[in-house]
């Protein structure tokens, strides 16, 4: 089994949690396991670097690295209280940026958190637009997507304006379907 297959069995989505306010977070100890750190003290040094990066970027560490504790079971029914963190997406991003670059799972984590963060930004940006701005944005996107569609129609030998209109309508319905599907899966 190669590293990618091993990684894909235990993804970042599988360890994501959602709190009562609908905000997503990750536990540091679960992330430690996914990122293949066997010892907490080694992973905690990565967390410390990520916290420093958070401070240096002007963000409040407590907003992204919430101290929590967990009770774990020990042999013979004993229990032990251990420290952990509830991490924001940004905290996870900083952790993978400061992780061991020799690990393939770190590179995959960097990609995952960068892409997911960008998707969230785009959704938030779109939600802040007025209805008129949204309409214009969709119209401009349609213009961009219609150019290759018109070229494909021409290459397929469609010259009759009525057939071209039908061809465009089919492309439009596909575009609308994809757009709705994207919104439903990213939300």
N, C-alpha and C. Protein backbone atom coordinates (compact mmCIF):
# COMPACT_ATOMS: atom_id res chain seq x y z
N UNK A 1 0.85 -1.18 0.00
CA UNK A 1 0.00 0.00 0.00
C UNK A 1 0.90 1.24 0.00
N UNK A 2 0.69 2.15 -0.96
CA UNK A 2 1.53 3.34 -1.00
C UNK A 2 1.03 4.38 0.01
N UNK A 3 1.83 5.45 0.19
CA UNK A 3 1.49 6.46 1.20
C UNK A 3 0.15 7.12 0.93
N UNK A 4 -0.16 7.37 -0.34
CA UNK A 4 -1.41 8.04 -0.65
C UNK A 4 -2.60 7.17 -0.26
N UNK A 5 -2.54 5.87 -0.55
CA UNK A 5 -3.64 4.99 -0.19
C UNK A 5 -3.78 4.92 1.33
N UNK A 6 -2.66 4.86 2.02
CA UNK A 6 -2.69 4.81 3.48
C UNK A 6 -3.33 6.09 4.03
N UNK A 7 -2.97 7.22 3.46
CA UNK A 7 -3.51 8.51 3.88
C UNK A 7 -5.01 8.59 3.59
N UNK A 8 -5.42 8.15 2.42
CA UNK A 8 -6.82 8.33 2.04
C UNK A 8 -7.76 7.50 2.91
N UNK A 9 -7.24 6.49 3.60
CA UNK A 9 -8.07 5.71 4.51
C UNK A 9 -8.40 6.50 5.78
N UNK A 10 -7.63 7.53 6.06
CA UNK A 10 -7.81 8.27 7.31
C UNK A 10 -7.71 9.77 7.00
N UNK A 11 -8.75 10.32 6.43
CA UNK A 11 -8.70 11.70 5.94
C UNK A 11 -8.97 12.73 7.03
N UNK A 12 -8.71 13.97 6.67
CA UNK A 12 -8.97 15.08 7.59
C UNK A 12 -10.47 15.27 7.80
N UNK A 13 -11.26 14.94 6.80
CA UNK A 13 -12.72 15.05 6.95
C UNK A 13 -13.24 14.07 8.00
N UNK A 14 -12.62 12.90 8.09
CA UNK A 14 -13.08 11.89 9.04
C UNK A 14 -12.85 12.29 10.48
N UNK A 15 -11.91 13.19 10.73
CA UNK A 15 -11.64 13.59 12.12
C UNK A 15 -12.18 14.99 12.42
N UNK A 16 -12.87 15.59 11.48
CA UNK A 16 -13.46 16.92 11.68
C UNK A 16 -14.67 16.78 12.60
N UNK A 17 -14.83 17.74 13.50
CA UNK A 17 -15.98 17.79 14.40
C UNK A 17 -16.71 19.11 14.17
N UNK A 18 -17.97 19.15 14.55
CA UNK A 18 -18.77 20.37 14.44
C UNK A 18 -19.34 20.65 15.83
N UNK A 19 -19.11 21.87 16.33
CA UNK A 19 -19.63 22.19 17.67
C UNK A 19 -21.10 22.60 17.60
N UNK A 20 -21.69 22.93 18.73
CA UNK A 20 -23.10 23.28 18.81
C UNK A 20 -23.49 24.51 18.00
N UNK A 21 -22.52 25.36 17.69
CA UNK A 21 -22.78 26.56 16.89
C UNK A 21 -22.56 26.32 15.40
N UNK A 22 -22.27 25.07 15.03
CA UNK A 22 -22.05 24.74 13.63
C UNK A 22 -20.65 25.06 13.13
N UNK A 23 -19.73 25.30 14.04
CA UNK A 23 -18.36 25.64 13.66
C UNK A 23 -17.52 24.37 13.68
N UNK A 24 -16.75 24.18 12.61
CA UNK A 24 -15.93 22.98 12.52
C UNK A 24 -14.63 23.15 13.30
N UNK A 25 -14.14 22.03 13.82
CA UNK A 25 -12.86 22.02 14.52
C UNK A 25 -12.27 20.62 14.47
N UNK A 26 -11.00 20.53 14.82
CA UNK A 26 -10.27 19.26 14.86
C UNK A 26 -9.60 19.16 16.21
N UNK A 27 -9.51 17.96 16.76
CA UNK A 27 -8.73 17.74 17.98
C UNK A 27 -7.28 17.50 17.59
N UNK A 28 -6.37 18.13 18.32
CA UNK A 28 -4.95 18.01 18.01
C UNK A 28 -4.46 16.56 18.12
N UNK A 29 -4.95 15.84 19.09
CA UNK A 29 -4.47 14.45 19.26
C UNK A 29 -4.92 13.56 18.10
N UNK A 30 -6.08 13.83 17.55
CA UNK A 30 -6.53 13.07 16.37
C UNK A 30 -5.72 13.48 15.14
N UNK A 31 -5.44 14.77 15.02
CA UNK A 31 -4.62 15.26 13.91
C UNK A 31 -3.20 14.69 14.01
N UNK A 32 -2.69 14.58 15.22
CA UNK A 32 -1.37 13.99 15.45
C UNK A 32 -1.29 12.61 14.82
N UNK A 33 -2.30 11.82 15.04
CA UNK A 33 -2.32 10.46 14.50
C UNK A 33 -2.36 10.46 12.97
N UNK A 34 -3.22 11.30 12.40
CA UNK A 34 -3.33 11.37 10.94
C UNK A 34 -2.02 11.83 10.32
N UNK A 35 -1.35 12.76 10.99
CA UNK A 35 -0.08 13.29 10.46
C UNK A 35 1.11 12.40 10.80
N UNK A 36 0.83 11.25 11.38
CA UNK A 36 1.84 10.22 11.64
C UNK A 36 2.92 10.66 12.62
N UNK A 37 2.53 11.43 13.62
CA UNK A 37 3.43 11.73 14.73
C UNK A 37 3.12 10.74 15.84
N UNK A 38 4.11 9.98 16.26
CA UNK A 38 3.85 8.94 17.26
C UNK A 38 3.93 9.48 18.68
N UNK A 39 4.69 10.55 18.90
CA UNK A 39 4.84 11.09 20.24
C UNK A 39 4.25 12.49 20.34
N UNK A 40 3.46 12.70 21.39
CA UNK A 40 2.80 13.98 21.60
C UNK A 40 3.82 15.11 21.73
N UNK A 41 4.91 14.89 22.43
CA UNK A 41 5.88 15.97 22.64
C UNK A 41 6.46 16.46 21.31
N UNK A 42 6.65 15.57 20.34
CA UNK A 42 7.14 15.99 19.02
C UNK A 42 6.08 16.79 18.28
N UNK A 43 4.84 16.35 18.40
CA UNK A 43 3.76 17.06 17.73
C UNK A 43 3.50 18.41 18.41
N UNK A 44 3.66 18.43 19.73
CA UNK A 44 3.45 19.68 20.46
C UNK A 44 4.46 20.75 20.05
N UNK A 45 5.66 20.35 19.67
CA UNK A 45 6.64 21.34 19.18
C UNK A 45 6.18 21.94 17.85
N UNK A 46 5.52 21.14 17.02
CA UNK A 46 4.94 21.65 15.77
C UNK A 46 3.80 22.62 16.09
N UNK A 47 2.98 22.27 17.08
CA UNK A 47 1.88 23.15 17.50
C UNK A 47 2.45 24.48 17.99
N UNK A 48 3.54 24.44 18.77
CA UNK A 48 4.15 25.67 19.27
C UNK A 48 4.62 26.57 18.12
N UNK A 49 5.21 25.98 17.09
CA UNK A 49 5.62 26.76 15.91
C UNK A 49 4.40 27.36 15.21
N UNK A 50 3.34 26.58 15.12
CA UNK A 50 2.11 27.07 14.48
C UNK A 50 1.50 28.21 15.29
N UNK A 51 1.55 28.11 16.62
CA UNK A 51 1.04 29.19 17.47
C UNK A 51 1.84 30.47 17.25
N UNK A 52 3.15 30.33 17.14
CA UNK A 52 4.01 31.49 16.90
C UNK A 52 3.67 32.13 15.55
N UNK A 53 3.45 31.32 14.54
CA UNK A 53 3.05 31.84 13.22
C UNK A 53 1.71 32.55 13.32
N UNK A 54 0.81 32.03 14.14
CA UNK A 54 -0.50 32.65 14.33
C UNK A 54 -0.34 34.04 14.95
N UNK A 55 0.49 34.13 15.98
CA UNK A 55 0.75 35.41 16.64
C UNK A 55 1.39 36.39 15.66
N UNK A 56 2.39 35.92 14.92
CA UNK A 56 3.11 36.78 13.98
C UNK A 56 2.23 37.27 12.84
N UNK A 57 1.14 36.56 12.56
CA UNK A 57 0.23 37.01 11.51
C UNK A 57 -0.87 37.92 12.06
N UNK A 58 -0.78 38.24 13.36
CA UNK A 58 -1.73 39.18 13.95
C UNK A 58 -3.03 38.56 14.42
N UNK A 59 -3.07 37.25 14.53
CA UNK A 59 -4.29 36.57 14.99
C UNK A 59 -4.16 36.19 16.46
N UNK A 60 -5.30 36.06 17.12
CA UNK A 60 -5.34 35.66 18.51
C UNK A 60 -5.25 34.14 18.60
N UNK A 61 -4.23 33.65 19.28
CA UNK A 61 -4.00 32.21 19.40
C UNK A 61 -5.21 31.51 20.01
N UNK A 62 -5.83 32.13 21.00
CA UNK A 62 -6.97 31.50 21.68
C UNK A 62 -8.17 31.29 20.76
N UNK A 63 -8.25 32.05 19.69
CA UNK A 63 -9.34 31.87 18.72
C UNK A 63 -9.14 30.62 17.87
N UNK A 64 -7.92 30.15 17.77
CA UNK A 64 -7.60 29.05 16.86
C UNK A 64 -7.06 27.79 17.55
N UNK A 65 -6.52 27.95 18.76
CA UNK A 65 -5.95 26.84 19.52
C UNK A 65 -6.59 26.84 20.91
N UNK A 66 -7.75 26.26 21.05
CA UNK A 66 -8.45 26.26 22.34
C UNK A 66 -7.96 25.09 23.19
N UNK A 67 -7.45 25.42 24.39
CA UNK A 67 -7.00 24.38 25.32
C UNK A 67 -8.18 23.58 25.83
N UNK A 68 -8.10 22.29 25.74
CA UNK A 68 -9.11 21.39 26.30
C UNK A 68 -8.38 20.22 26.96
N UNK A 69 -9.10 19.47 27.74
CA UNK A 69 -8.50 18.26 28.31
C UNK A 69 -9.46 17.10 28.11
N UNK A 70 -8.90 15.91 28.07
CA UNK A 70 -9.68 14.70 27.86
C UNK A 70 -9.30 13.69 28.94
N UNK A 71 -10.24 12.84 29.24
CA UNK A 71 -9.96 11.73 30.14
C UNK A 71 -9.78 10.49 29.29
N UNK A 72 -8.65 9.82 29.50
CA UNK A 72 -8.42 8.57 28.77
C UNK A 72 -8.37 7.42 29.77
N UNK A 73 -8.75 6.27 29.31
CA UNK A 73 -8.71 5.07 30.16
C UNK A 73 -7.30 4.50 30.18
N UNK A 74 -6.93 4.08 31.36
CA UNK A 74 -5.63 3.44 31.58
C UNK A 74 -5.89 1.97 31.93
N UNK A 75 -4.85 1.16 31.97
CA UNK A 75 -5.05 -0.24 32.36
C UNK A 75 -5.66 -0.35 33.77
N UNK A 76 -6.37 -1.41 33.99
CA UNK A 76 -7.00 -1.72 35.28
C UNK A 76 -7.99 -0.65 35.71
N UNK A 77 -8.79 -0.15 34.80
CA UNK A 77 -9.89 0.81 35.01
C UNK A 77 -9.45 2.17 35.55
N UNK A 78 -8.18 2.48 35.51
CA UNK A 78 -7.72 3.81 35.92
C UNK A 78 -7.98 4.80 34.79
N UNK A 79 -8.02 6.07 35.14
CA UNK A 79 -8.21 7.13 34.15
C UNK A 79 -7.14 8.19 34.33
N UNK A 80 -6.85 8.90 33.23
CA UNK A 80 -5.83 9.94 33.27
C UNK A 80 -6.34 11.14 32.46
N UNK A 81 -6.12 12.33 32.99
CA UNK A 81 -6.50 13.56 32.31
C UNK A 81 -5.32 14.01 31.45
N UNK A 82 -5.56 14.21 30.14
CA UNK A 82 -4.50 14.66 29.23
C UNK A 82 -4.93 15.96 28.55
N UNK A 83 -3.93 16.75 28.17
CA UNK A 83 -4.22 18.01 27.48
C UNK A 83 -4.43 17.76 25.99
N UNK A 84 -5.22 18.63 25.38
CA UNK A 84 -5.50 18.55 23.95
C UNK A 84 -5.85 19.96 23.50
N UNK A 85 -6.10 20.12 22.23
CA UNK A 85 -6.53 21.40 21.68
C UNK A 85 -7.70 21.17 20.73
N UNK A 86 -8.62 22.12 20.73
CA UNK A 86 -9.59 22.19 19.65
C UNK A 86 -9.01 23.19 18.66
N UNK A 87 -8.80 22.73 17.44
CA UNK A 87 -8.12 23.53 16.43
C UNK A 87 -9.08 24.03 15.36
N UNK A 88 -8.93 25.29 14.99
CA UNK A 88 -9.68 25.81 13.86
C UNK A 88 -9.03 25.29 12.57
N UNK A 89 -9.71 25.51 11.46
CA UNK A 89 -9.13 25.14 10.16
C UNK A 89 -7.80 25.89 9.96
N UNK A 90 -7.77 27.15 10.36
CA UNK A 90 -6.55 27.94 10.22
C UNK A 90 -5.42 27.35 11.07
N UNK A 91 -5.72 26.93 12.28
CA UNK A 91 -4.71 26.31 13.14
C UNK A 91 -4.15 25.04 12.49
N UNK A 92 -5.04 24.23 11.93
CA UNK A 92 -4.59 23.00 11.24
C UNK A 92 -3.70 23.35 10.06
N UNK A 93 -4.08 24.38 9.33
CA UNK A 93 -3.28 24.83 8.19
C UNK A 93 -1.87 25.22 8.66
N UNK A 94 -1.80 25.99 9.76
CA UNK A 94 -0.49 26.40 10.29
C UNK A 94 0.31 25.20 10.78
N UNK A 95 -0.36 24.23 11.36
CA UNK A 95 0.33 23.02 11.84
C UNK A 95 0.95 22.26 10.67
N UNK A 96 0.18 22.03 9.62
CA UNK A 96 0.75 21.28 8.49
C UNK A 96 1.83 22.09 7.77
N UNK A 97 1.75 23.41 7.83
CA UNK A 97 2.81 24.24 7.25
C UNK A 97 4.11 24.10 8.03
N UNK A 98 3.99 23.79 9.32
CA UNK A 98 5.17 23.68 10.18
C UNK A 98 5.55 22.23 10.49
N UNK A 99 4.86 21.29 9.86
CA UNK A 99 5.14 19.87 10.08
C UNK A 99 6.37 19.39 9.34
N UNK A 100 6.68 18.14 9.53
CA UNK A 100 7.86 17.50 8.92
C UNK A 100 7.65 17.37 7.41
N UNK A 101 8.38 18.14 6.59
CA UNK A 101 8.15 18.13 5.15
C UNK A 101 8.53 16.82 4.47
N UNK A 102 9.22 15.93 5.18
CA UNK A 102 9.57 14.63 4.59
C UNK A 102 8.38 13.69 4.55
N UNK A 103 7.34 14.00 5.29
CA UNK A 103 6.16 13.13 5.33
C UNK A 103 5.20 13.52 4.21
N UNK A 104 4.83 12.55 3.41
CA UNK A 104 3.90 12.82 2.31
C UNK A 104 2.55 13.30 2.83
N UNK A 105 2.12 12.79 3.96
CA UNK A 105 0.84 13.18 4.52
C UNK A 105 0.84 14.67 4.89
N UNK A 106 1.99 15.23 5.21
CA UNK A 106 2.08 16.67 5.49
C UNK A 106 1.79 17.46 4.22
N UNK A 107 2.38 17.05 3.11
CA UNK A 107 2.12 17.71 1.82
C UNK A 107 0.64 17.60 1.46
N UNK A 108 0.06 16.44 1.69
CA UNK A 108 -1.37 16.27 1.40
C UNK A 108 -2.22 17.14 2.32
N UNK A 109 -1.81 17.25 3.58
CA UNK A 109 -2.52 18.11 4.52
C UNK A 109 -2.42 19.57 4.13
N UNK A 110 -1.25 19.99 3.66
CA UNK A 110 -1.09 21.37 3.22
C UNK A 110 -2.05 21.67 2.08
N UNK A 111 -2.15 20.75 1.15
CA UNK A 111 -3.06 20.94 0.01
C UNK A 111 -4.50 20.96 0.49
N UNK A 112 -4.88 20.00 1.32
CA UNK A 112 -6.25 19.90 1.82
C UNK A 112 -6.68 21.19 2.50
N UNK A 113 -5.90 21.67 3.48
CA UNK A 113 -6.31 22.84 4.23
C UNK A 113 -6.23 24.12 3.40
N UNK A 114 -5.30 24.21 2.46
CA UNK A 114 -5.24 25.38 1.58
C UNK A 114 -6.47 25.43 0.68
N UNK A 115 -6.83 24.30 0.08
CA UNK A 115 -7.99 24.25 -0.82
C UNK A 115 -9.28 24.52 -0.06
N UNK A 116 -9.46 23.88 1.08
CA UNK A 116 -10.69 24.06 1.86
C UNK A 116 -10.81 25.49 2.38
N UNK A 117 -9.70 26.08 2.77
CA UNK A 117 -9.73 27.47 3.23
C UNK A 117 -10.13 28.39 2.09
N UNK A 118 -9.58 28.17 0.91
CA UNK A 118 -9.93 28.99 -0.26
C UNK A 118 -11.40 28.81 -0.64
N UNK A 119 -11.90 27.59 -0.59
CA UNK A 119 -13.32 27.35 -0.89
C UNK A 119 -14.20 28.14 0.08
N UNK A 120 -13.86 28.11 1.35
CA UNK A 120 -14.64 28.82 2.37
C UNK A 120 -14.61 30.32 2.10
N UNK A 121 -13.44 30.86 1.74
CA UNK A 121 -13.32 32.29 1.43
C UNK A 121 -14.21 32.66 0.25
N UNK A 122 -14.20 31.83 -0.80
CA UNK A 122 -15.02 32.12 -1.98
C UNK A 122 -16.50 32.11 -1.64
N UNK A 123 -16.92 31.16 -0.83
CA UNK A 123 -18.32 31.09 -0.43
C UNK A 123 -18.70 32.33 0.37
N UNK A 124 -17.83 32.73 1.31
CA UNK A 124 -18.11 33.92 2.11
C UNK A 124 -18.14 35.17 1.24
N UNK A 125 -17.20 35.28 0.29
CA UNK A 125 -17.18 36.43 -0.62
C UNK A 125 -18.46 36.48 -1.44
N UNK A 126 -18.89 35.35 -1.96
CA UNK A 126 -20.10 35.29 -2.78
C UNK A 126 -21.32 35.67 -1.95
N UNK A 127 -21.38 35.20 -0.72
CA UNK A 127 -22.53 35.48 0.14
C UNK A 127 -22.65 36.96 0.48
N UNK A 128 -21.55 37.71 0.40
CA UNK A 128 -21.58 39.13 0.72
C UNK A 128 -22.00 40.01 -0.47
N UNK A 129 -22.11 39.43 -1.64
CA UNK A 129 -22.52 40.20 -2.82
C UNK A 129 -24.00 40.52 -2.77
N UNK A 130 -24.38 41.66 -3.38
CA UNK A 130 -25.80 41.97 -3.53
C UNK A 130 -26.37 41.06 -4.61
N UNK A 131 -27.68 41.01 -4.71
CA UNK A 131 -28.31 40.16 -5.73
C UNK A 131 -27.88 40.59 -7.14
N UNK A 132 -27.76 41.89 -7.36
CA UNK A 132 -27.34 42.39 -8.67
C UNK A 132 -25.90 41.96 -8.97
N UNK A 133 -25.02 42.05 -7.97
CA UNK A 133 -23.63 41.63 -8.15
C UNK A 133 -23.55 40.12 -8.43
N UNK A 134 -24.39 39.35 -7.74
CA UNK A 134 -24.42 37.90 -7.97
C UNK A 134 -24.87 37.60 -9.40
N UNK A 135 -25.91 38.31 -9.85
CA UNK A 135 -26.42 38.12 -11.21
C UNK A 135 -25.33 38.44 -12.24
N UNK A 136 -24.62 39.56 -12.04
CA UNK A 136 -23.56 39.94 -12.96
C UNK A 136 -22.40 38.95 -12.92
N UNK A 137 -22.06 38.45 -11.74
CA UNK A 137 -20.99 37.46 -11.62
C UNK A 137 -21.35 36.19 -12.38
N UNK A 138 -22.59 35.76 -12.24
CA UNK A 138 -23.05 34.55 -12.95
C UNK A 138 -23.05 34.81 -14.45
N UNK A 139 -23.50 35.99 -14.86
CA UNK A 139 -23.53 36.33 -16.28
C UNK A 139 -22.12 36.32 -16.87
N UNK A 140 -21.17 36.92 -16.15
CA UNK A 140 -19.78 36.93 -16.62
C UNK A 140 -19.21 35.52 -16.69
N UNK A 141 -19.57 34.68 -15.74
CA UNK A 141 -19.11 33.29 -15.77
C UNK A 141 -19.73 32.57 -16.97
N UNK A 142 -20.98 32.90 -17.28
CA UNK A 142 -21.65 32.29 -18.44
C UNK A 142 -20.93 32.68 -19.74
N UNK A 143 -20.52 33.93 -19.84
CA UNK A 143 -19.81 34.38 -21.04
C UNK A 143 -18.53 33.56 -21.22
N UNK A 144 -17.79 33.39 -20.13
CA UNK A 144 -16.54 32.62 -20.18
C UNK A 144 -16.82 31.18 -20.60
N UNK A 145 -17.89 30.58 -20.05
CA UNK A 145 -18.19 29.18 -20.36
C UNK A 145 -18.84 29.00 -21.73
N UNK A 146 -19.50 30.03 -22.25
CA UNK A 146 -20.16 29.91 -23.55
C UNK A 146 -19.18 29.93 -24.72
N UNK A 147 -18.03 30.57 -24.55
CA UNK A 147 -17.07 30.63 -25.65
C UNK A 147 -16.61 29.24 -26.08
N UNK A 148 -16.15 28.38 -25.16
CA UNK A 148 -15.76 27.04 -25.61
C UNK A 148 -16.95 26.22 -26.11
N UNK A 149 -18.14 26.50 -25.57
CA UNK A 149 -19.33 25.80 -26.02
C UNK A 149 -19.64 26.16 -27.47
N UNK A 150 -19.54 27.44 -27.80
CA UNK A 150 -19.78 27.88 -29.18
C UNK A 150 -18.72 27.31 -30.13
N UNK A 151 -17.48 27.25 -29.66
CA UNK A 151 -16.41 26.66 -30.47
C UNK A 151 -16.67 25.17 -30.71
N UNK A 152 -17.13 24.48 -29.68
CA UNK A 152 -17.43 23.04 -29.82
C UNK A 152 -18.58 22.84 -30.80
N UNK A 153 -19.58 23.71 -30.74
CA UNK A 153 -20.71 23.60 -31.66
C UNK A 153 -20.25 23.81 -33.10
N UNK A 154 -19.41 24.80 -33.29
CA UNK A 154 -18.90 25.08 -34.63
C UNK A 154 -18.07 23.91 -35.15
N UNK A 155 -17.23 23.33 -34.28
CA UNK A 155 -16.42 22.18 -34.68
C UNK A 155 -17.30 20.96 -34.98
N UNK A 156 -18.47 20.90 -34.34
CA UNK A 156 -19.39 19.78 -34.57
C UNK A 156 -20.24 20.02 -35.82
N UNK A 157 -20.04 21.16 -36.46
CA UNK A 157 -20.75 21.44 -37.70
C UNK A 157 -22.11 22.09 -37.50
N UNK A 158 -22.37 22.63 -36.33
CA UNK A 158 -23.66 23.28 -36.07
C UNK A 158 -23.53 24.74 -36.49
N UNK A 159 -24.19 25.07 -37.61
CA UNK A 159 -24.15 26.42 -38.15
C UNK A 159 -25.52 27.09 -38.08
N UNK A 160 -26.58 26.30 -38.14
CA UNK A 160 -27.95 26.82 -38.12
C UNK A 160 -28.21 27.49 -36.77
N UNK A 161 -28.64 28.78 -36.76
CA UNK A 161 -28.85 29.50 -35.51
C UNK A 161 -29.83 28.79 -34.55
N UNK A 162 -30.88 28.12 -35.10
CA UNK A 162 -31.83 27.42 -34.23
C UNK A 162 -31.16 26.24 -33.53
N UNK A 163 -30.36 25.50 -34.28
CA UNK A 163 -29.65 24.36 -33.67
C UNK A 163 -28.60 24.86 -32.67
N UNK A 164 -27.96 25.99 -33.01
CA UNK A 164 -26.97 26.57 -32.10
C UNK A 164 -27.64 27.00 -30.79
N UNK A 165 -28.84 27.56 -30.89
CA UNK A 165 -29.60 27.97 -29.71
C UNK A 165 -29.90 26.75 -28.83
N UNK A 166 -30.36 25.66 -29.45
CA UNK A 166 -30.65 24.43 -28.71
C UNK A 166 -29.37 23.89 -28.05
N UNK A 167 -28.28 23.92 -28.79
CA UNK A 167 -26.99 23.47 -28.28
C UNK A 167 -26.60 24.29 -27.06
N UNK A 168 -26.77 25.62 -27.13
CA UNK A 168 -26.43 26.51 -26.02
C UNK A 168 -27.32 26.27 -24.82
N UNK A 169 -28.62 26.03 -25.06
CA UNK A 169 -29.54 25.75 -23.95
C UNK A 169 -29.13 24.49 -23.20
N UNK A 170 -28.70 23.48 -23.93
CA UNK A 170 -28.25 22.24 -23.29
C UNK A 170 -27.00 22.51 -22.44
N UNK A 171 -26.10 23.33 -22.97
CA UNK A 171 -24.91 23.69 -22.20
C UNK A 171 -25.26 24.50 -20.97
N UNK A 172 -26.24 25.41 -21.09
CA UNK A 172 -26.68 26.22 -19.97
C UNK A 172 -27.28 25.35 -18.88
N UNK A 173 -28.11 24.38 -19.25
CA UNK A 173 -28.72 23.53 -18.22
C UNK A 173 -27.65 22.71 -17.51
N UNK A 174 -26.62 22.29 -18.22
CA UNK A 174 -25.51 21.58 -17.58
C UNK A 174 -24.74 22.48 -16.65
N UNK A 175 -24.54 23.74 -17.05
CA UNK A 175 -23.83 24.70 -16.21
C UNK A 175 -24.60 24.96 -14.93
N UNK A 176 -25.91 25.20 -15.05
CA UNK A 176 -26.75 25.47 -13.88
C UNK A 176 -26.73 24.27 -12.95
N UNK A 177 -26.82 23.06 -13.48
CA UNK A 177 -26.80 21.85 -12.66
C UNK A 177 -25.47 21.75 -11.89
N UNK A 178 -24.34 22.00 -12.60
CA UNK A 178 -23.03 21.93 -11.94
C UNK A 178 -22.90 23.00 -10.86
N UNK A 179 -23.38 24.21 -11.14
CA UNK A 179 -23.30 25.30 -10.18
C UNK A 179 -24.09 24.97 -8.93
N UNK A 180 -25.31 24.47 -9.09
CA UNK A 180 -26.12 24.09 -7.93
C UNK A 180 -25.45 22.97 -7.15
N UNK A 181 -24.90 22.02 -7.85
CA UNK A 181 -24.25 20.89 -7.19
C UNK A 181 -23.04 21.37 -6.39
N UNK A 182 -22.25 22.29 -6.96
CA UNK A 182 -21.09 22.84 -6.24
C UNK A 182 -21.53 23.54 -4.97
N UNK A 183 -22.57 24.36 -5.06
CA UNK A 183 -23.05 25.09 -3.89
C UNK A 183 -23.53 24.13 -2.81
N UNK A 184 -24.21 23.07 -3.21
CA UNK A 184 -24.74 22.12 -2.23
C UNK A 184 -23.63 21.31 -1.57
N UNK A 185 -22.55 21.03 -2.28
CA UNK A 185 -21.48 20.22 -1.69
C UNK A 185 -20.49 21.06 -0.91
N UNK A 186 -20.39 22.35 -1.19
CA UNK A 186 -19.42 23.20 -0.50
C UNK A 186 -20.01 23.84 0.75
N UNK A 187 -21.31 23.85 0.86
CA UNK A 187 -21.93 24.54 2.00
C UNK A 187 -21.85 23.73 3.25
